[in-house]
Protein backbone atom coordinates (compact mmCIF):
# COMPACT_ATOMS: atom_id res chain seq x y z
CA MET A 1 6.11 6.64 3.70
CA ARG A 2 3.77 7.39 1.20
CA LEU A 3 0.63 5.56 -0.28
CA ILE A 4 -0.22 6.49 -3.78
CA ALA A 5 -3.63 5.34 -4.55
CA VAL A 6 -6.41 5.72 -7.11
CA GLY A 7 -9.60 7.40 -6.28
CA ARG A 8 -10.56 9.75 -3.34
CA ILE A 9 -11.61 8.52 -0.23
CA ARG A 10 -14.79 9.71 1.42
CA PRO A 11 -15.86 10.14 5.02
CA GLY A 12 -16.81 6.95 6.37
CA PRO A 13 -15.75 3.70 7.90
CA GLU A 14 -12.86 2.96 5.46
CA HIS A 15 -11.58 6.57 6.11
CA ASP A 16 -11.97 6.27 9.77
CA LEU A 17 -9.88 3.14 9.63
CA LEU A 18 -7.25 4.54 7.60
CA GLU A 19 -6.91 7.57 9.83
CA ARG A 20 -6.77 5.42 12.95
CA TYR A 21 -3.69 3.65 11.87
CA ARG A 22 -2.07 6.74 9.76
CA GLN A 23 -2.21 8.78 13.19
CA ARG A 24 -0.26 5.78 14.93
CA LEU A 25 2.38 5.21 12.41
CA LEU A 26 5.97 6.21 12.37
CA PRO A 27 7.44 7.16 10.04
CA ARG A 28 4.20 8.89 8.94
CA LEU A 29 2.00 7.53 6.17
CA GLU A 30 1.37 10.31 3.46
CA LEU A 31 -1.59 9.73 1.42
CA VAL A 32 -1.60 10.81 -2.29
CA GLU A 33 -4.66 10.26 -4.38
CA VAL A 34 -4.60 10.18 -8.08
CA PRO A 35 -8.23 10.45 -10.15
CA GLU A 36 -9.65 7.29 -11.69
CA GLY A 37 -9.33 6.83 -14.95
CA LYS A 38 -12.23 6.62 -17.68
CA GLY A 39 -12.87 4.79 -20.88
CA ALA A 40 -12.40 1.16 -21.66
CA PRO A 41 -10.63 -1.01 -19.12
CA VAL A 42 -7.37 -1.05 -21.09
CA GLU A 43 -7.46 2.94 -21.31
CA ILE A 44 -8.38 3.15 -17.63
CA LYS A 45 -5.34 1.13 -16.47
CA ARG A 46 -3.07 3.32 -18.83
CA ARG A 47 -4.46 6.65 -17.65
CA GLU A 48 -4.24 5.58 -13.86
CA ALA A 49 -0.72 4.24 -14.21
CA ALA A 50 0.44 7.44 -15.71
CA SER A 51 -0.98 9.35 -12.76
CA LEU A 52 0.47 7.05 -10.20
CA LEU A 53 3.75 6.93 -11.88
CA ALA A 54 3.82 10.60 -11.99
CA ALA A 55 3.13 10.98 -8.23
CA LEU A 56 6.23 8.57 -7.41
CA PRO A 57 9.53 10.24 -6.45
CA SER A 58 12.16 9.03 -9.28
CA ASN A 59 14.35 7.40 -6.82
CA ALA A 60 11.54 5.77 -4.59
CA TYR A 61 11.35 2.01 -3.63
CA LEU A 62 8.17 0.93 -4.96
CA VAL A 63 5.92 -1.73 -3.26
CA ALA A 64 2.82 -2.44 -5.67
CA LEU A 65 -0.27 -3.84 -4.09
CA ASP A 66 -1.08 -6.69 -6.45
CA GLU A 67 -3.10 -10.02 -6.30
CA GLY A 68 -0.04 -11.67 -7.68
CA GLY A 69 2.21 -10.41 -5.16
CA GLU A 70 4.09 -11.79 -2.32
CA GLN A 71 1.97 -12.91 0.77
CA PRO A 72 4.26 -12.89 3.76
CA ASP A 73 2.89 -13.50 7.29
CA SER A 74 3.28 -10.43 9.98
CA LEU A 75 6.75 -11.44 11.06
CA GLY A 76 7.70 -11.58 7.34
CA PHE A 77 6.09 -8.53 6.43
CA SER A 78 7.77 -6.79 9.49
CA VAL A 79 11.28 -7.94 8.40
CA ARG A 80 10.79 -6.65 4.68
CA LEU A 81 9.33 -3.51 6.02
CA GLU A 82 12.57 -2.77 8.25
CA ALA A 83 14.63 -3.38 5.19
CA TRP A 84 12.81 -1.35 3.11
CA LEU A 85 13.03 1.39 5.37
CA GLY A 86 16.64 1.12 5.83
CA ALA A 87 17.25 1.26 2.17
CA GLY A 88 17.92 4.88 2.20
CA ARG A 89 15.24 5.57 -0.51
CA PRO A 90 11.54 7.01 0.05
CA LEU A 91 9.35 4.08 0.53
CA CYS A 92 5.99 4.25 -1.45
CA PHE A 93 3.36 1.75 -1.68
CA MET A 94 0.72 1.90 -4.69
CA ILE A 95 -2.79 0.81 -4.95
CA GLY A 96 -4.37 0.88 -8.34
CA GLY A 97 -8.15 1.19 -9.35
CA ALA A 98 -10.89 -1.43 -9.93
CA GLU A 99 -9.09 -2.43 -13.01
CA GLY A 100 -5.81 -3.17 -11.04
CA LEU A 101 -2.26 -1.95 -11.82
CA ASP A 102 -1.11 -1.50 -15.43
CA SER A 103 1.83 -3.69 -16.48
CA THR A 104 4.12 -0.54 -16.60
CA VAL A 105 3.49 0.07 -12.62
CA LEU A 106 4.13 -3.47 -12.03
CA ALA A 107 7.24 -3.39 -14.27
CA ARG A 108 8.60 -0.44 -12.23
CA ALA A 109 7.95 -2.03 -8.78
CA ASP A 110 10.70 -3.17 -6.75
CA ALA A 111 8.55 -5.61 -4.87
CA SER A 112 4.88 -6.43 -4.91
CA LEU A 113 2.64 -7.55 -2.14
CA SER A 114 -0.73 -9.05 -1.89
CA LEU A 115 -3.13 -9.04 1.25
CA GLY A 116 -4.44 -12.46 0.29
CA SER A 117 -6.15 -14.18 -2.54
CA LEU A 118 -9.73 -12.54 -1.64
CA THR A 119 -10.71 -9.54 -3.51
CA TRP A 120 -11.04 -6.46 -1.03
CA PRO A 121 -12.75 -2.99 -1.95
CA HIS A 122 -9.98 -0.71 -2.82
CA MET A 123 -10.71 1.81 -0.34
CA LEU A 124 -10.72 -0.73 2.29
CA VAL A 125 -7.26 -1.73 1.33
CA ARG A 126 -5.92 1.39 2.37
CA GLY A 127 -6.83 0.85 5.83
CA LEU A 128 -5.74 -2.89 5.72
CA LEU A 129 -2.59 -1.71 4.56
CA ALA A 130 -1.97 0.93 7.02
CA GLU A 131 -3.13 -1.69 9.92
CA GLN A 132 -0.29 -4.06 8.75
CA LEU A 133 2.29 -1.47 8.51
CA TYR A 134 1.63 -0.37 12.20
CA ARG A 135 1.69 -4.08 13.04
CA ALA A 136 5.11 -4.64 11.48
CA ARG A 137 6.35 -1.44 13.08
CA ALA A 138 5.12 -2.59 16.43
CA ILE A 139 6.78 -6.11 15.84
CA ALA A 140 9.84 -4.30 14.83
CA THR A 141 9.99 -2.09 18.04
CA GLY A 142 8.76 -4.75 20.45
CA HIS A 143 5.56 -3.08 21.13
CA PRO A 144 2.90 -5.59 22.45
CA TYR A 145 0.22 -4.76 19.71
CA HIS A 146 1.07 -7.79 17.96
CA ARG A 147 0.51 -11.33 19.68
CA ALA A 148 2.14 -13.99 17.81
CA GLY A 149 0.55 -16.95 19.71
CA ARG A 150 -3.08 -18.20 18.92
CA PRO A 151 -5.28 -18.22 21.87
């Protein structure tokens, strides 16, 4: 699996969270970072989109993280993830910059995913996604990490 994201994560709590789950995940989650765009918002999105798409393998199954994306629960996400992993194509997740993803990225995406209607810092989204990937894989393998019942 590959996570392609705008910006460079620096040492700190967000980096530590991402690394905690990247180390646990199988298959491993490769991180590819592209530079932040410069200019007016439309130009920033266009430049970032070009960099993001250039980092994407041509035959990849692309899941774009977007506020308008699907919002499955953890069990539903686990089912989707297993299907994506079983599709025989490299699985890539994409996180845009502060301006979001350009329409060219969303048009290329095979699926889009939202982590909810709240706005999250882009560097924190990396850790949140990695945790949800780990949780989804734990559900699929019967690992006790996920507890479906409420206390």
